[in-house]
Amino acid sequence: MIHLTWKDRETVKTVKCVHTNAEKYMVNNALTAGKTYEVKNETEEFYFVVDNTGHVGGYYKDYFEV
């Protein structure tokens, strides 16, 4: 259960949020455009970042730029 220790893991890289205009989900409550976030894990489609709530959340990569 790797997801239980993601918050304490070493940061893989940092990414900058470029927008929070989601079609389906409300991401503007957890992300702020223009802010940089620490990536704790990455898949082909998602970044798992420590968001504004202080927890690790998975978000589509199109919200960010490297």
PDB file of N, CA and C in Angstrom:
ATOM      1  N   MET A   1       0.822  -1.172   0.000  1.00  0.00           N
ATOM      2  CA  MET A   1       0.000   0.000   0.000  1.00  0.00           C
ATOM      3  C   MET A   1       0.877   1.251   0.000  1.00  0.00           C
ATOM      4  N   ILE A   2       1.481   1.487  -1.135  1.00  0.00           N
ATOM      5  CA  ILE A   2       2.427   2.579  -1.308  1.00  0.00           C
ATOM      6  C   ILE A   2       1.775   3.948  -1.095  1.00  0.00           C
ATOM      7  N   HIS A   3       0.485   4.071  -1.366  1.00  0.00           N
ATOM      8  CA  HIS A   3      -0.183   5.365  -1.248  1.00  0.00           C
ATOM      9  C   HIS A   3      -0.233   5.881   0.195  1.00  0.00           C
ATOM     10  N   LEU A   4      -0.038   5.011   1.169  1.00  0.00           N
ATOM     11  CA  LEU A   4      -0.068   5.425   2.569  1.00  0.00           C
ATOM     12  C   LEU A   4       1.178   6.204   2.977  1.00  0.00           C
ATOM     13  N   THR A   5       2.261   6.040   2.226  1.00  0.00           N
ATOM     14  CA  THR A   5       3.518   6.711   2.573  1.00  0.00           C
ATOM     15  C   THR A   5       3.929   7.776   1.551  1.00  0.00           C
ATOM     16  N   TRP A   6       3.080   8.092   0.578  1.00  0.00           N
ATOM     17  CA  TRP A   6       3.441   9.065  -0.452  1.00  0.00           C
ATOM     18  C   TRP A   6       3.782  10.424   0.120  1.00  0.00           C
ATOM     19  N   LYS A   7       3.043  10.890   1.085  1.00  0.00           N
ATOM     20  CA  LYS A   7       3.271  12.231   1.630  1.00  0.00           C
ATOM     21  C   LYS A   7       4.657  12.367   2.261  1.00  0.00           C
ATOM     22  N   ASP A   8       5.174  11.283   2.827  1.00  0.00           N
ATOM     23  CA  ASP A   8       6.478  11.287   3.483  1.00  0.00           C
ATOM     24  C   ASP A   8       7.624  10.946   2.542  1.00  0.00           C
ATOM     25  N   ARG A   9       7.334  10.557   1.335  1.00  0.00           N
ATOM     26  CA  ARG A   9       8.371  10.168   0.387  1.00  0.00           C
ATOM     27  C   ARG A   9       9.106  11.383  -0.166  1.00  0.00           C
ATOM     28  N   GLU A  10      10.228  11.107  -0.774  1.00  0.00           N
ATOM     29  CA  GLU A  10      11.026  12.149  -1.409  1.00  0.00           C
ATOM     30  C   GLU A  10      10.275  12.696  -2.624  1.00  0.00           C
ATOM     31  N   THR A  11      10.398  13.980  -2.851  1.00  0.00           N
ATOM     32  CA  THR A  11       9.740  14.624  -3.987  1.00  0.00           C
ATOM     33  C   THR A  11      10.434  14.230  -5.277  1.00  0.00           C
ATOM     34  N   VAL A  12       9.661  13.778  -6.263  1.00  0.00           N
ATOM     35  CA  VAL A  12      10.202  13.366  -7.557  1.00  0.00           C
ATOM     36  C   VAL A  12      10.614  14.591  -8.368  1.00  0.00           C
ATOM     37  N   LYS A  13       9.729  15.583  -8.426  1.00  0.00           N
ATOM     38  CA  LYS A  13       9.997  16.849  -9.115  1.00  0.00           C
ATOM     39  C   LYS A  13       8.920  17.836  -8.697  1.00  0.00           C
ATOM     40  N   THR A  14       9.041  19.052  -9.156  1.00  0.00           N
ATOM     41  CA  THR A  14       7.998  20.049  -8.887  1.00  0.00           C
ATOM     42  C   THR A  14       7.376  20.464 -10.214  1.00  0.00           C
ATOM     43  N   VAL A  15       6.081  20.744 -10.179  1.00  0.00           N
ATOM     44  CA  VAL A  15       5.351  21.174 -11.364  1.00  0.00           C
ATOM     45  C   VAL A  15       4.531  22.401 -11.014  1.00  0.00           C
ATOM     46  N   LYS A  16       4.251  23.215 -12.027  1.00  0.00           N
ATOM     47  CA  LYS A  16       3.474  24.432 -11.828  1.00  0.00           C
ATOM     48  C   LYS A  16       2.074  24.227 -12.408  1.00  0.00           C
ATOM     49  N   CYS A  17       1.072  24.565 -11.634  1.00  0.00           N
ATOM     50  CA  CYS A  17      -0.308  24.471 -12.085  1.00  0.00           C
ATOM     51  C   CYS A  17      -0.587  25.630 -13.040  1.00  0.00           C
ATOM     52  N   VAL A  18      -1.072  25.319 -14.241  1.00  0.00           N
ATOM     53  CA  VAL A  18      -1.312  26.363 -15.237  1.00  0.00           C
ATOM     54  C   VAL A  18      -2.787  26.745 -15.338  1.00  0.00           C
ATOM     55  N   HIS A  19      -3.700  25.847 -14.948  1.00  0.00           N
ATOM     56  CA  HIS A  19      -5.123  26.175 -14.960  1.00  0.00           C
ATOM     57  C   HIS A  19      -5.887  25.189 -14.081  1.00  0.00           C
ATOM     58  N   THR A  20      -7.089  25.567 -13.719  1.00  0.00           N
ATOM     59  CA  THR A  20      -7.964  24.684 -12.939  1.00  0.00           C
ATOM     60  C   THR A  20      -9.324  24.555 -13.609  1.00  0.00           C
ATOM     61  N   ASN A  21      -9.348  24.695 -14.930  1.00  0.00           N
ATOM     62  CA  ASN A  21     -10.587  24.608 -15.701  1.00  0.00           C
ATOM     63  C   ASN A  21     -10.880  23.145 -16.029  1.00  0.00           C
ATOM     64  N   ALA A  22     -11.561  22.461 -15.135  1.00  0.00           N
ATOM     65  CA  ALA A  22     -11.876  21.054 -15.317  1.00  0.00           C
ATOM     66  C   ALA A  22     -13.253  20.896 -15.934  1.00  0.00           C
ATOM     67  N   GLU A  23     -13.408  19.878 -16.783  1.00  0.00           N
ATOM     68  CA  GLU A  23     -14.704  19.613 -17.393  1.00  0.00           C
ATOM     69  C   GLU A  23     -15.629  18.858 -16.448  1.00  0.00           C
ATOM     70  N   LYS A  24     -15.086  17.897 -15.701  1.00  0.00           N
ATOM     71  CA  LYS A  24     -15.910  17.036 -14.857  1.00  0.00           C
ATOM     72  C   LYS A  24     -15.794  17.334 -13.371  1.00  0.00           C
ATOM     73  N   TYR A  25     -14.603  17.608 -12.911  1.00  0.00           N
ATOM     74  CA  TYR A  25     -14.339  17.657 -11.477  1.00  0.00           C
ATOM     75  C   TYR A  25     -14.030  19.076 -11.017  1.00  0.00           C
ATOM     76  N   MET A  26     -14.239  19.338  -9.751  1.00  0.00           N
ATOM     77  CA  MET A  26     -13.908  20.645  -9.178  1.00  0.00           C
ATOM     78  C   MET A  26     -12.496  20.592  -8.604  1.00  0.00           C
ATOM     79  N   VAL A  27     -11.524  20.999  -9.383  1.00  0.00           N
ATOM     80  CA  VAL A  27     -10.144  20.987  -8.914  1.00  0.00           C
ATOM     81  C   VAL A  27      -9.712  22.334  -8.369  1.00  0.00           C
ATOM     82  N   ASN A  28     -10.520  23.372  -8.585  1.00  0.00           N
ATOM     83  CA  ASN A  28     -10.128  24.695  -8.098  1.00  0.00           C
ATOM     84  C   ASN A  28     -10.167  24.782  -6.576  1.00  0.00           C
ATOM     85  N   ASN A  29     -10.783  23.831  -5.895  1.00  0.00           N
ATOM     86  CA  ASN A  29     -10.759  23.792  -4.429  1.00  0.00           C
ATOM     87  C   ASN A  29      -9.440  23.221  -3.903  1.00  0.00           C
ATOM     88  N   ALA A  30      -8.750  22.427  -4.724  1.00  0.00           N
ATOM     89  CA  ALA A  30      -7.537  21.755  -4.274  1.00  0.00           C
ATOM     90  C   ALA A  30      -6.270  22.272  -4.944  1.00  0.00           C
ATOM     91  N   LEU A  31      -6.399  22.936  -6.078  1.00  0.00           N
ATOM     92  CA  LEU A  31      -5.240  23.465  -6.798  1.00  0.00           C
ATOM     93  C   LEU A  31      -5.419  24.957  -7.031  1.00  0.00           C
ATOM     94  N   THR A  32      -4.298  25.662  -7.132  1.00  0.00           N
ATOM     95  CA  THR A  32      -4.307  27.092  -7.425  1.00  0.00           C
ATOM     96  C   THR A  32      -3.444  27.332  -8.652  1.00  0.00           C
ATOM     97  N   ALA A  33      -4.004  27.975  -9.649  1.00  0.00           N
ATOM     98  CA  ALA A  33      -3.243  28.282 -10.864  1.00  0.00           C
ATOM     99  C   ALA A  33      -2.077  29.204 -10.516  1.00  0.00           C
ATOM    100  N   GLY A  34      -0.893  28.871 -11.034  1.00  0.00           N
ATOM    101  CA  GLY A  34       0.299  29.664 -10.781  1.00  0.00           C
ATOM    102  C   GLY A  34       1.152  29.154  -9.627  1.00  0.00           C
ATOM    103  N   LYS A  35       0.636  28.246  -8.839  1.00  0.00           N
ATOM    104  CA  LYS A  35       1.373  27.717  -7.690  1.00  0.00           C
ATOM    105  C   LYS A  35       2.131  26.450  -8.095  1.00  0.00           C
ATOM    106  N   THR A  36       3.296  26.230  -7.487  1.00  0.00           N
ATOM    107  CA  THR A  36       4.062  25.013  -7.753  1.00  0.00           C
ATOM    108  C   THR A  36       3.746  23.963  -6.693  1.00  0.00           C
ATOM    109  N   TYR A  37       3.759  22.721  -7.125  1.00  0.00           N
ATOM    110  CA  TYR A  37       3.418  21.591  -6.265  1.00  0.00           C
ATOM    111  C   TYR A  37       4.493  20.525  -6.350  1.00  0.00           C
ATOM    112  N   GLU A  38       4.669  19.784  -5.259  1.00  0.00           N
ATOM    113  CA  GLU A  38       5.638  18.694  -5.193  1.00  0.00           C
ATOM    114  C   GLU A  38       4.998  17.415  -5.713  1.00  0.00           C
ATOM    115  N   VAL A  39       5.638  16.783  -6.692  1.00  0.00           N
ATOM    116  CA  VAL A  39       5.147  15.521  -7.245  1.00  0.00           C
ATOM    117  C   VAL A  39       5.724  14.376  -6.418  1.00  0.00           C
ATOM    118  N   LYS A  40       4.843  13.552  -5.866  1.00  0.00           N
ATOM    119  CA  LYS A  40       5.261  12.413  -5.057  1.00  0.00           C
ATOM    120  C   LYS A  40       5.270  11.118  -5.847  1.00  0.00           C
ATOM    121  N   ASN A  41       4.439  11.042  -6.894  1.00  0.00           N
ATOM    122  CA  ASN A  41       4.404   9.881  -7.771  1.00  0.00           C
ATOM    123  C   ASN A  41       3.841  10.338  -9.110  1.00  0.00           C
ATOM    124  N   GLU A  42       4.138   9.571 -10.160  1.00  0.00           N
ATOM    125  CA  GLU A  42       3.713   9.950 -11.500  1.00  0.00           C
ATOM    126  C   GLU A  42       3.349   8.701 -12.283  1.00  0.00           C
ATOM    127  N   THR A  43       2.271   8.784 -13.052  1.00  0.00           N
ATOM    128  CA  THR A  43       1.908   7.731 -13.995  1.00  0.00           C
ATOM    129  C   THR A  43       1.852   8.368 -15.380  1.00  0.00           C
ATOM    130  N   GLU A  44       1.443   7.603 -16.378  1.00  0.00           N
ATOM    131  CA  GLU A  44       1.367   8.151 -17.730  1.00  0.00           C
ATOM    132  C   GLU A  44       0.359   9.279 -17.831  1.00  0.00           C
ATOM    133  N   GLU A  45      -0.708   9.220 -17.032  1.00  0.00           N
ATOM    134  CA  GLU A  45      -1.803  10.171 -17.163  1.00  0.00           C
ATOM    135  C   GLU A  45      -1.922  11.158 -15.997  1.00  0.00           C
ATOM    136  N   PHE A  46      -1.377  10.808 -14.828  1.00  0.00           N
ATOM    137  CA  PHE A  46      -1.597  11.600 -13.624  1.00  0.00           C
ATOM    138  C   PHE A  46      -0.302  11.993 -12.923  1.00  0.00           C
ATOM    139  N   TYR A  47      -0.360  13.136 -12.222  1.00  0.00           N
ATOM    140  CA  TYR A  47       0.627  13.501 -11.212  1.00  0.00           C
ATOM    141  C   TYR A  47      -0.065  13.349  -9.863  1.00  0.00           C
ATOM    142  N   PHE A  48       0.631  12.797  -8.904  1.00  0.00           N
ATOM    143  CA  PHE A  48       0.141  12.722  -7.534  1.00  0.00           C
ATOM    144  C   PHE A  48       0.926  13.757  -6.740  1.00  0.00           C
ATOM    145  N   VAL A  49       0.241  14.852  -6.364  1.00  0.00           N
ATOM    146  CA  VAL A  49       0.891  15.995  -5.746  1.00  0.00           C
ATOM    147  C   VAL A  49       0.295  16.260  -4.372  1.00  0.00           C
ATOM    148  N   VAL A  50       1.065  16.959  -3.527  1.00  0.00           N
ATOM    149  CA  VAL A  50       0.538  17.449  -2.258  1.00  0.00           C
ATOM    150  C   VAL A  50      -0.219  18.731  -2.587  1.00  0.00           C
ATOM    151  N   ASP A  51      -1.550  18.676  -2.513  1.00  0.00           N
ATOM    152  CA  ASP A  51      -2.375  19.798  -2.945  1.00  0.00           C
ATOM    153  C   ASP A  51      -2.647  20.776  -1.806  1.00  0.00           C
ATOM    154  N   ASN A  52      -3.550  21.724  -2.032  1.00  0.00           N
ATOM    155  CA  ASN A  52      -3.849  22.758  -1.049  1.00  0.00           C
ATOM    156  C   ASN A  52      -4.480  22.226   0.232  1.00  0.00           C
ATOM    157  N   THR A  53      -5.038  21.026   0.197  1.00  0.00           N
ATOM    158  CA  THR A  53      -5.640  20.437   1.390  1.00  0.00           C
ATOM    159  C   THR A  53      -4.589  19.828   2.304  1.00  0.00           C
ATOM    160  N   GLY A  54      -3.353  19.679   1.805  1.00  0.00           N
ATOM    161  CA  GLY A  54      -2.289  19.075   2.585  1.00  0.00           C
ATOM    162  C   GLY A  54      -2.184  17.576   2.395  1.00  0.00           C
ATOM    163  N   HIS A  55      -3.030  17.028   1.539  1.00  0.00           N
ATOM    164  CA  HIS A  55      -3.016  15.599   1.258  1.00  0.00           C
ATOM    165  C   HIS A  55      -2.522  15.358  -0.162  1.00  0.00           C
ATOM    166  N   VAL A  56      -2.166  14.109  -0.459  1.00  0.00           N
ATOM    167  CA  VAL A  56      -1.737  13.756  -1.800  1.00  0.00           C
ATOM    168  C   VAL A  56      -2.974  13.444  -2.629  1.00  0.00           C
ATOM    169  N   GLY A  57      -3.074  14.090  -3.779  1.00  0.00           N
ATOM    170  CA  GLY A  57      -4.187  13.855  -4.699  1.00  0.00           C
ATOM    171  C   GLY A  57      -3.665  13.622  -6.095  1.00  0.00           C
ATOM    172  N   GLY A  58      -4.404  12.851  -6.878  1.00  0.00           N
ATOM    173  CA  GLY A  58      -4.031  12.566  -8.256  1.00  0.00           C
ATOM    174  C   GLY A  58      -4.775  13.485  -9.212  1.00  0.00           C
ATOM    175  N   TYR A  59      -4.026  14.137 -10.101  1.00  0.00           N
ATOM    176  CA  TYR A  59      -4.614  15.098 -11.039  1.00  0.00           C
ATOM    177  C   TYR A  59      -4.059  14.847 -12.436  1.00  0.00           C
ATOM    178  N   TYR A  60      -4.902  15.085 -13.443  1.00  0.00           N
ATOM    179  CA  TYR A  60      -4.447  14.941 -14.823  1.00  0.00           C
ATOM    180  C   TYR A  60      -3.247  15.849 -15.080  1.00  0.00           C
ATOM    181  N   LYS A  61      -2.344  15.386 -15.916  1.00  0.00           N
ATOM    182  CA  LYS A  61      -1.128  16.139 -16.218  1.00  0.00           C
ATOM    183  C   LYS A  61      -1.401  17.432 -16.977  1.00  0.00           C
ATOM    184  N   ASP A  62      -2.556  17.541 -17.622  1.00  0.00           N
ATOM    185  CA  ASP A  62      -2.809  18.743 -18.407  1.00  0.00           C
ATOM    186  C   ASP A  62      -3.072  19.977 -17.550  1.00  0.00           C
ATOM    187  N   TYR A  63      -3.195  19.833 -16.244  1.00  0.00           N
ATOM    188  CA  TYR A  63      -3.322  20.989 -15.349  1.00  0.00           C
ATOM    189  C   TYR A  63      -1.959  21.613 -15.025  1.00  0.00           C
ATOM    190  N   PHE A  64      -0.878  20.944 -15.413  1.00  0.00           N
ATOM    191  CA  PHE A  64       0.469  21.352 -14.984  1.00  0.00           C
ATOM    192  C   PHE A  64       1.423  21.532 -16.147  1.00  0.00           C
ATOM    193  N   GLU A  65       2.501  22.259 -15.864  1.00  0.00           N
ATOM    194  CA  GLU A  65       3.649  22.320 -16.769  1.00  0.00           C
ATOM    195  C   GLU A  65       4.887  22.029 -15.937  1.00  0.00           C
ATOM    196  N   VAL A  66       5.840  21.418 -16.566  1.00  0.00           N
ATOM    197  CA  VAL A  66       7.065  21.026 -15.869  1.00  0.00           C
ATOM    198  C   VAL A  66       8.020  22.182 -15.813  1.00  0.00           C
TER     199      VAL A  66
END
